[in-house]
Amino acid sequence: MAPSGDQGTWKALGELSSIGLALVVATVIGLVGGYYADRLLGTTTWLLLVGLGLGIAAGFVNLFRSVSRADRELDDTK
């Protein structure tokens, strides 16, 4: 168990360790959603590209939120 002063550091590390997975998952969800929307509506690949763009954007929003939360955790420990 970490000392109480290091608890914020461990929480920040845990927050930052999930960033890569969150980026990939958001991108894949957008890509798959766009693919199935194209198949359902019978369109060409433009909905797939829109879904991919939205997935990437959602991943980066999650990245910035995670970094912000981790930064607050590290500032609280100082």
PDB file of N, CA and C in Angstrom:
ATOM      1  N   MET A   1       0.848  -1.180   0.000  1.00  0.00           N
ATOM      2  CA  MET A   1       0.000   0.000   0.000  1.00  0.00           C
ATOM      3  C   MET A   1       0.888   1.236   0.000  1.00  0.00           C
ATOM      4  N   ALA A   2       0.535   2.179  -0.820  1.00  0.00           N
ATOM      5  CA  ALA A   2       1.319   3.400  -0.938  1.00  0.00           C
ATOM      6  C   ALA A   2       1.055   4.318   0.244  1.00  0.00           C
ATOM      7  N   PRO A   3       2.060   5.076   0.652  1.00  0.00           N
ATOM      8  CA  PRO A   3       1.824   6.066   1.697  1.00  0.00           C
ATOM      9  C   PRO A   3       0.757   7.063   1.256  1.00  0.00           C
ATOM     10  N   SER A   4       0.097   7.700   2.222  1.00  0.00           N
ATOM     11  CA  SER A   4      -1.033   8.567   1.900  1.00  0.00           C
ATOM     12  C   SER A   4      -0.629   9.749   1.030  1.00  0.00           C
ATOM     13  N   GLY A   5       0.591  10.223   1.122  1.00  0.00           N
ATOM     14  CA  GLY A   5       1.038  11.333   0.298  1.00  0.00           C
ATOM     15  C   GLY A   5       1.185  10.957  -1.166  1.00  0.00           C
ATOM     16  N   ASP A   6       1.450   9.676  -1.442  1.00  0.00           N
ATOM     17  CA  ASP A   6       1.647   9.215  -2.813  1.00  0.00           C
ATOM     18  C   ASP A   6       0.362   8.747  -3.469  1.00  0.00           C
ATOM     19  N   GLN A   7      -0.750   8.786  -2.767  1.00  0.00           N
ATOM     20  CA  GLN A   7      -1.998   8.268  -3.313  1.00  0.00           C
ATOM     21  C   GLN A   7      -2.446   9.041  -4.552  1.00  0.00           C
ATOM     22  N   GLY A   8      -2.279  10.349  -4.565  1.00  0.00           N
ATOM     23  CA  GLY A   8      -2.639  11.150  -5.736  1.00  0.00           C
ATOM     24  C   GLY A   8      -1.780  10.815  -6.942  1.00  0.00           C
ATOM     25  N   THR A   9      -0.518  10.516  -6.689  1.00  0.00           N
ATOM     26  CA  THR A   9       0.388  10.140  -7.771  1.00  0.00           C
ATOM     27  C   THR A   9      -0.044   8.818  -8.395  1.00  0.00           C
ATOM     28  N   TRP A  10      -0.426   7.859  -7.567  1.00  0.00           N
ATOM     29  CA  TRP A  10      -0.879   6.570  -8.085  1.00  0.00           C
ATOM     30  C   TRP A  10      -2.198   6.703  -8.840  1.00  0.00           C
ATOM     31  N   LYS A  11      -3.085   7.562  -8.366  1.00  0.00           N
ATOM     32  CA  LYS A  11      -4.343   7.793  -9.080  1.00  0.00           C
ATOM     33  C   LYS A  11      -4.084   8.444 -10.428  1.00  0.00           C
ATOM     34  N   ALA A  12      -3.154   9.391 -10.474  1.00  0.00           N
ATOM     35  CA  ALA A  12      -2.812  10.046 -11.736  1.00  0.00           C
ATOM     36  C   ALA A  12      -2.181   9.051 -12.707  1.00  0.00           C
ATOM     37  N   LEU A  13      -1.322   8.187 -12.209  1.00  0.00           N
ATOM     38  CA  LEU A  13      -0.697   7.174 -13.049  1.00  0.00           C
ATOM     39  C   LEU A  13      -1.738   6.209 -13.610  1.00  0.00           C
ATOM     40  N   GLY A  14      -2.686   5.830 -12.781  1.00  0.00           N
ATOM     41  CA  GLY A  14      -3.766   4.960 -13.250  1.00  0.00           C
ATOM     42  C   GLY A  14      -4.613   5.629 -14.317  1.00  0.00           C
ATOM     43  N   GLU A  15      -4.867   6.906 -14.146  1.00  0.00           N
ATOM     44  CA  GLU A  15      -5.641   7.672 -15.134  1.00  0.00           C
ATOM     45  C   GLU A  15      -4.901   7.742 -16.462  1.00  0.00           C
ATOM     46  N   LEU A  16      -3.615   8.010 -16.409  1.00  0.00           N
ATOM     47  CA  LEU A  16      -2.824   8.151 -17.634  1.00  0.00           C
ATOM     48  C   LEU A  16      -2.581   6.819 -18.332  1.00  0.00           C
ATOM     49  N   SER A  17      -2.588   5.715 -17.588  1.00  0.00           N
ATOM     50  CA  SER A  17      -2.323   4.423 -18.207  1.00  0.00           C
ATOM     51  C   SER A  17      -3.482   3.944 -19.073  1.00  0.00           C
ATOM     52  N   SER A  18      -4.650   4.525 -18.928  1.00  0.00           N
ATOM     53  CA  SER A  18      -5.797   4.091 -19.721  1.00  0.00           C
ATOM     54  C   SER A  18      -5.985   4.900 -20.995  1.00  0.00           C
ATOM     55  N   ILE A  19      -5.126   5.877 -21.252  1.00  0.00           N
ATOM     56  CA  ILE A  19      -5.316   6.770 -22.392  1.00  0.00           C
ATOM     57  C   ILE A  19      -5.205   6.021 -23.722  1.00  0.00           C
ATOM     58  N   GLY A  20      -4.211   5.206 -23.894  1.00  0.00           N
ATOM     59  CA  GLY A  20      -4.020   4.502 -25.160  1.00  0.00           C
ATOM     60  C   GLY A  20      -5.189   3.609 -25.506  1.00  0.00           C
ATOM     61  N   LEU A  21      -5.655   2.872 -24.533  1.00  0.00           N
ATOM     62  CA  LEU A  21      -6.801   1.999 -24.756  1.00  0.00           C
ATOM     63  C   LEU A  21      -8.052   2.800 -25.087  1.00  0.00           C
ATOM     64  N   ALA A  22      -8.255   3.901 -24.415  1.00  0.00           N
ATOM     65  CA  ALA A  22      -9.437   4.731 -24.665  1.00  0.00           C
ATOM     66  C   ALA A  22      -9.423   5.328 -26.067  1.00  0.00           C
ATOM     67  N   LEU A  23      -8.256   5.736 -26.553  1.00  0.00           N
ATOM     68  CA  LEU A  23      -8.154   6.259 -27.918  1.00  0.00           C
ATOM     69  C   LEU A  23      -8.516   5.191 -28.943  1.00  0.00           C
ATOM     70  N   VAL A  24      -7.997   4.000 -28.766  1.00  0.00           N
ATOM     71  CA  VAL A  24      -8.269   2.919 -29.711  1.00  0.00           C
ATOM     72  C   VAL A  24      -9.731   2.513 -29.674  1.00  0.00           C
ATOM     73  N   VAL A  25     -10.299   2.368 -28.491  1.00  0.00           N
ATOM     74  CA  VAL A  25     -11.689   1.937 -28.370  1.00  0.00           C
ATOM     75  C   VAL A  25     -12.640   2.960 -28.979  1.00  0.00           C
ATOM     76  N   ALA A  26     -12.418   4.239 -28.722  1.00  0.00           N
ATOM     77  CA  ALA A  26     -13.288   5.272 -29.288  1.00  0.00           C
ATOM     78  C   ALA A  26     -13.201   5.287 -30.812  1.00  0.00           C
ATOM     79  N   THR A  27     -12.010   5.117 -31.350  1.00  0.00           N
ATOM     80  CA  THR A  27     -11.837   5.106 -32.801  1.00  0.00           C
ATOM     81  C   THR A  27     -12.519   3.889 -33.426  1.00  0.00           C
ATOM     82  N   VAL A  28     -12.362   2.736 -32.822  1.00  0.00           N
ATOM     83  CA  VAL A  28     -12.977   1.514 -33.355  1.00  0.00           C
ATOM     84  C   VAL A  28     -14.500   1.595 -33.279  1.00  0.00           C
ATOM     85  N   ILE A  29     -15.039   2.127 -32.195  1.00  0.00           N
ATOM     86  CA  ILE A  29     -16.494   2.269 -32.082  1.00  0.00           C
ATOM     87  C   ILE A  29     -17.028   3.199 -33.171  1.00  0.00           C
ATOM     88  N   GLY A  30     -16.362   4.305 -33.415  1.00  0.00           N
ATOM     89  CA  GLY A  30     -16.780   5.210 -34.482  1.00  0.00           C
ATOM     90  C   GLY A  30     -16.686   4.562 -35.850  1.00  0.00           C
ATOM     91  N   LEU A  31     -15.622   3.815 -36.084  1.00  0.00           N
ATOM     92  CA  LEU A  31     -15.422   3.138 -37.357  1.00  0.00           C
ATOM     93  C   LEU A  31     -16.492   2.075 -37.596  1.00  0.00           C
ATOM     94  N   VAL A  32     -16.752   1.251 -36.603  1.00  0.00           N
ATOM     95  CA  VAL A  32     -17.755   0.189 -36.729  1.00  0.00           C
ATOM     96  C   VAL A  32     -19.150   0.786 -36.864  1.00  0.00           C
ATOM     97  N   GLY A  33     -19.427   1.843 -36.107  1.00  0.00           N
ATOM     98  CA  GLY A  33     -20.735   2.496 -36.220  1.00  0.00           C
ATOM     99  C   GLY A  33     -20.958   3.072 -37.608  1.00  0.00           C
ATOM    100  N   GLY A  34     -19.944   3.692 -38.173  1.00  0.00           N
ATOM    101  CA  GLY A  34     -20.040   4.227 -39.522  1.00  0.00           C
ATOM    102  C   GLY A  34     -20.189   3.133 -40.569  1.00  0.00           C
ATOM    103  N   TYR A  35     -19.491   2.026 -40.371  1.00  0.00           N
ATOM    104  CA  TYR A  35     -19.588   0.893 -41.299  1.00  0.00           C
ATOM    105  C   TYR A  35     -21.007   0.333 -41.331  1.00  0.00           C
ATOM    106  N   TYR A  36     -21.563   0.099 -40.142  1.00  0.00           N
ATOM    107  CA  TYR A  36     -22.915  -0.459 -40.094  1.00  0.00           C
ATOM    108  C   TYR A  36     -23.970   0.547 -40.539  1.00  0.00           C
ATOM    109  N   ALA A  37     -23.732   1.823 -40.325  1.00  0.00           N
ATOM    110  CA  ALA A  37     -24.661   2.838 -40.832  1.00  0.00           C
ATOM    111  C   ALA A  37     -24.638   2.848 -42.363  1.00  0.00           C
ATOM    112  N   ASP A  38     -23.456   2.682 -42.950  1.00  0.00           N
ATOM    113  CA  ASP A  38     -23.359   2.585 -44.406  1.00  0.00           C
ATOM    114  C   ASP A  38     -24.104   1.355 -44.934  1.00  0.00           C
ATOM    115  N   ARG A  39     -23.924   0.244 -44.275  1.00  0.00           N
ATOM    116  CA  ARG A  39     -24.606  -0.979 -44.724  1.00  0.00           C
ATOM    117  C   ARG A  39     -26.112  -0.864 -44.559  1.00  0.00           C
ATOM    118  N   LEU A  40     -26.552  -0.269 -43.460  1.00  0.00           N
ATOM    119  CA  LEU A  40     -27.980  -0.151 -43.191  1.00  0.00           C
ATOM    120  C   LEU A  40     -28.660   0.785 -44.189  1.00  0.00           C
ATOM    121  N   LEU A  41     -28.003   1.890 -44.500  1.00  0.00           N
ATOM    122  CA  LEU A  41     -28.595   2.877 -45.393  1.00  0.00           C
ATOM    123  C   LEU A  41     -28.238   2.665 -46.857  1.00  0.00           C
ATOM    124  N   GLY A  42     -27.335   1.740 -47.142  1.00  0.00           N
ATOM    125  CA  GLY A  42     -26.948   1.445 -48.512  1.00  0.00           C
ATOM    126  C   GLY A  42     -26.135   2.550 -49.159  1.00  0.00           C
ATOM    127  N   THR A  43     -25.397   3.294 -48.380  1.00  0.00           N
ATOM    128  CA  THR A  43     -24.590   4.384 -48.924  1.00  0.00           C
ATOM    129  C   THR A  43     -23.172   3.905 -49.190  1.00  0.00           C
ATOM    130  N   THR A  44     -22.386   4.780 -49.778  1.00  0.00           N
ATOM    131  CA  THR A  44     -20.973   4.457 -49.992  1.00  0.00           C
ATOM    132  C   THR A  44     -20.232   4.662 -48.677  1.00  0.00           C
ATOM    133  N   THR A  45     -18.943   4.781 -48.732  1.00  0.00           N
ATOM    134  CA  THR A  45     -18.136   4.791 -47.503  1.00  0.00           C
ATOM    135  C   THR A  45     -18.091   6.130 -46.785  1.00  0.00           C
ATOM    136  N   TRP A  46     -18.910   7.083 -47.129  1.00  0.00           N
ATOM    137  CA  TRP A  46     -18.788   8.397 -46.482  1.00  0.00           C
ATOM    138  C   TRP A  46     -19.251   8.373 -45.033  1.00  0.00           C
ATOM    139  N   LEU A  47     -20.226   7.542 -44.676  1.00  0.00           N
ATOM    140  CA  LEU A  47     -20.613   7.448 -43.256  1.00  0.00           C
ATOM    141  C   LEU A  47     -19.536   6.750 -42.430  1.00  0.00           C
ATOM    142  N   LEU A  48     -18.820   5.825 -43.058  1.00  0.00           N
ATOM    143  CA  LEU A  48     -17.699   5.187 -42.373  1.00  0.00           C
ATOM    144  C   LEU A  48     -16.637   6.229 -42.038  1.00  0.00           C
ATOM    145  N   LEU A  49     -16.367   7.123 -42.974  1.00  0.00           N
ATOM    146  CA  LEU A  49     -15.371   8.165 -42.728  1.00  0.00           C
ATOM    147  C   LEU A  49     -15.851   9.169 -41.684  1.00  0.00           C
ATOM    148  N   VAL A  50     -17.144   9.488 -41.709  1.00  0.00           N
ATOM    149  CA  VAL A  50     -17.698  10.387 -40.686  1.00  0.00           C
ATOM    150  C   VAL A  50     -17.601   9.728 -39.313  1.00  0.00           C
ATOM    151  N   GLY A  51     -17.956   8.449 -39.225  1.00  0.00           N
ATOM    152  CA  GLY A  51     -17.851   7.724 -37.953  1.00  0.00           C
ATOM    153  C   GLY A  51     -16.420   7.639 -37.464  1.00  0.00           C
ATOM    154  N   LEU A  52     -15.500   7.418 -38.390  1.00  0.00           N
ATOM    155  CA  LEU A  52     -14.082   7.382 -38.025  1.00  0.00           C
ATOM    156  C   LEU A  52     -13.630   8.728 -37.476  1.00  0.00           C
ATOM    157  N   GLY A  53     -14.030   9.805 -38.143  1.00  0.00           N
ATOM    158  CA  GLY A  53     -13.662  11.144 -37.665  1.00  0.00           C
ATOM    159  C   GLY A  53     -14.247  11.438 -36.293  1.00  0.00           C
ATOM    160  N   LEU A  54     -15.505  11.055 -36.095  1.00  0.00           N
ATOM    161  CA  LEU A  54     -16.131  11.270 -34.785  1.00  0.00           C
ATOM    162  C   LEU A  54     -15.471  10.423 -33.698  1.00  0.00           C
ATOM    163  N   GLY A  55     -15.091   9.201 -34.048  1.00  0.00           N
ATOM    164  CA  GLY A  55     -14.407   8.343 -33.084  1.00  0.00           C
ATOM    165  C   GLY A  55     -13.054   8.902 -32.682  1.00  0.00           C
ATOM    166  N   ILE A  56     -12.318   9.399 -33.660  1.00  0.00           N
ATOM    167  CA  ILE A  56     -11.009  10.006 -33.368  1.00  0.00           C
ATOM    168  C   ILE A  56     -11.189  11.254 -32.512  1.00  0.00           C
ATOM    169  N   ALA A  57     -12.184  12.070 -32.860  1.00  0.00           N
ATOM    170  CA  ALA A  57     -12.445  13.282 -32.069  1.00  0.00           C
ATOM    171  C   ALA A  57     -12.828  12.927 -30.634  1.00  0.00           C
ATOM    172  N   ALA A  58     -13.673  11.914 -30.474  1.00  0.00           N
ATOM    173  CA  ALA A  58     -14.067  11.490 -29.126  1.00  0.00           C
ATOM    174  C   ALA A  58     -12.865  10.957 -28.350  1.00  0.00           C
ATOM    175  N   GLY A  59     -11.984  10.261 -29.020  1.00  0.00           N
ATOM    176  CA  GLY A  59     -10.774   9.758 -28.362  1.00  0.00           C
ATOM    177  C   GLY A  59      -9.884  10.883 -27.871  1.00  0.00           C
ATOM    178  N   PHE A  60      -9.727  11.932 -28.674  1.00  0.00           N
ATOM    179  CA  PHE A  60      -8.892  13.051 -28.258  1.00  0.00           C
ATOM    180  C   PHE A  60      -9.547  13.874 -27.151  1.00  0.00           C
ATOM    181  N   VAL A  61     -10.863  13.994 -27.181  1.00  0.00           N
ATOM    182  CA  VAL A  61     -11.555  14.675 -26.077  1.00  0.00           C
ATOM    183  C   VAL A  61     -11.316  13.907 -24.785  1.00  0.00           C
ATOM    184  N   ASN A  62     -11.413  12.582 -24.859  1.00  0.00           N
ATOM    185  CA  ASN A  62     -11.160  11.756 -23.682  1.00  0.00           C
ATOM    186  C   ASN A  62      -9.703  11.881 -23.233  1.00  0.00           C
ATOM    187  N   LEU A  63      -8.785  11.975 -24.178  1.00  0.00           N
ATOM    188  CA  LEU A  63      -7.372  12.160 -23.850  1.00  0.00           C
ATOM    189  C   LEU A  63      -7.160  13.444 -23.064  1.00  0.00           C
ATOM    190  N   PHE A  64      -7.720  14.557 -23.551  1.00  0.00           N
ATOM    191  CA  PHE A  64      -7.535  15.833 -22.865  1.00  0.00           C
ATOM    192  C   PHE A  64      -8.191  15.840 -21.493  1.00  0.00           C
ATOM    193  N   ARG A  65      -9.342  15.197 -21.361  1.00  0.00           N
ATOM    194  CA  ARG A  65      -9.992  15.114 -20.048  1.00  0.00           C
ATOM    195  C   ARG A  65      -9.174  14.274 -19.070  1.00  0.00           C
ATOM    196  N   SER A  66      -8.610  13.176 -19.554  1.00  0.00           N
ATOM    197  CA  SER A  66      -7.795  12.323 -18.682  1.00  0.00           C
ATOM    198  C   SER A  66      -6.533  13.038 -18.227  1.00  0.00           C
ATOM    199  N   VAL A  67      -5.891  13.734 -19.136  1.00  0.00           N
ATOM    200  CA  VAL A  67      -4.677  14.474 -18.773  1.00  0.00           C
ATOM    201  C   VAL A  67      -5.017  15.580 -17.776  1.00  0.00           C
ATOM    202  N   SER A  68      -6.147  16.231 -17.966  1.00  0.00           N
ATOM    203  CA  SER A  68      -6.560  17.285 -17.041  1.00  0.00           C
ATOM    204  C   SER A  68      -6.834  16.720 -15.648  1.00  0.00           C
ATOM    205  N   ARG A  69      -7.530  15.574 -15.582  1.00  0.00           N
ATOM    206  CA  ARG A  69      -7.790  14.952 -14.280  1.00  0.00           C
ATOM    207  C   ARG A  69      -6.499  14.522 -13.607  1.00  0.00           C
ATOM    208  N   ALA A  70      -5.579  13.941 -14.373  1.00  0.00           N
ATOM    209  CA  ALA A  70      -4.302  13.507 -13.811  1.00  0.00           C
ATOM    210  C   ALA A  70      -3.488  14.698 -13.322  1.00  0.00           C
ATOM    211  N   ASP A  71      -3.535  15.792 -14.052  1.00  0.00           N
ATOM    212  CA  ASP A  71      -2.814  16.994 -13.643  1.00  0.00           C
ATOM    213  C   ASP A  71      -3.375  17.538 -12.330  1.00  0.00           C
ATOM    214  N   ARG A  72      -4.700  17.525 -12.199  1.00  0.00           N
ATOM    215  CA  ARG A  72      -5.301  17.964 -10.928  1.00  0.00           C
ATOM    216  C   ARG A  72      -4.907  17.058  -9.784  1.00  0.00           C
ATOM    217  N   GLU A  73      -4.836  15.745 -10.034  1.00  0.00           N
ATOM    218  CA  GLU A  73      -4.426  14.814  -8.987  1.00  0.00           C
ATOM    219  C   GLU A  73      -2.995  15.087  -8.551  1.00  0.00           C
ATOM    220  N   LEU A  74      -2.115  15.364  -9.514  1.00  0.00           N
ATOM    221  CA  LEU A  74      -0.724  15.628  -9.164  1.00  0.00           C
ATOM    222  C   LEU A  74      -0.576  16.968  -8.448  1.00  0.00           C
ATOM    223  N   ASP A  75      -1.388  17.967  -8.811  1.00  0.00           N
ATOM    224  CA  ASP A  75      -1.336  19.254  -8.132  1.00  0.00           C
ATOM    225  C   ASP A  75      -1.830  19.158  -6.700  1.00  0.00           C
ATOM    226  N   ASP A  76      -2.779  18.257  -6.451  1.00  0.00           N
ATOM    227  CA  ASP A  76      -3.294  18.082  -5.097  1.00  0.00           C
ATOM    228  C   ASP A  76      -2.272  17.452  -4.166  1.00  0.00           C
ATOM    229  N   THR A  77      -1.322  16.697  -4.725  1.00  0.00           N
ATOM    230  CA  THR A  77      -0.341  16.040  -3.868  1.00  0.00           C
ATOM    231  C   THR A  77       0.803  16.966  -3.484  1.00  0.00           C
ATOM    232  N   LYS A  78       0.954  18.094  -4.156  1.00  0.00           N
ATOM    233  CA  LYS A  78       2.073  19.006  -3.863  1.00  0.00           C
ATOM    234  C   LYS A  78       1.788  19.904  -2.699  1.00  0.00           C
TER     235      LYS A  78
END
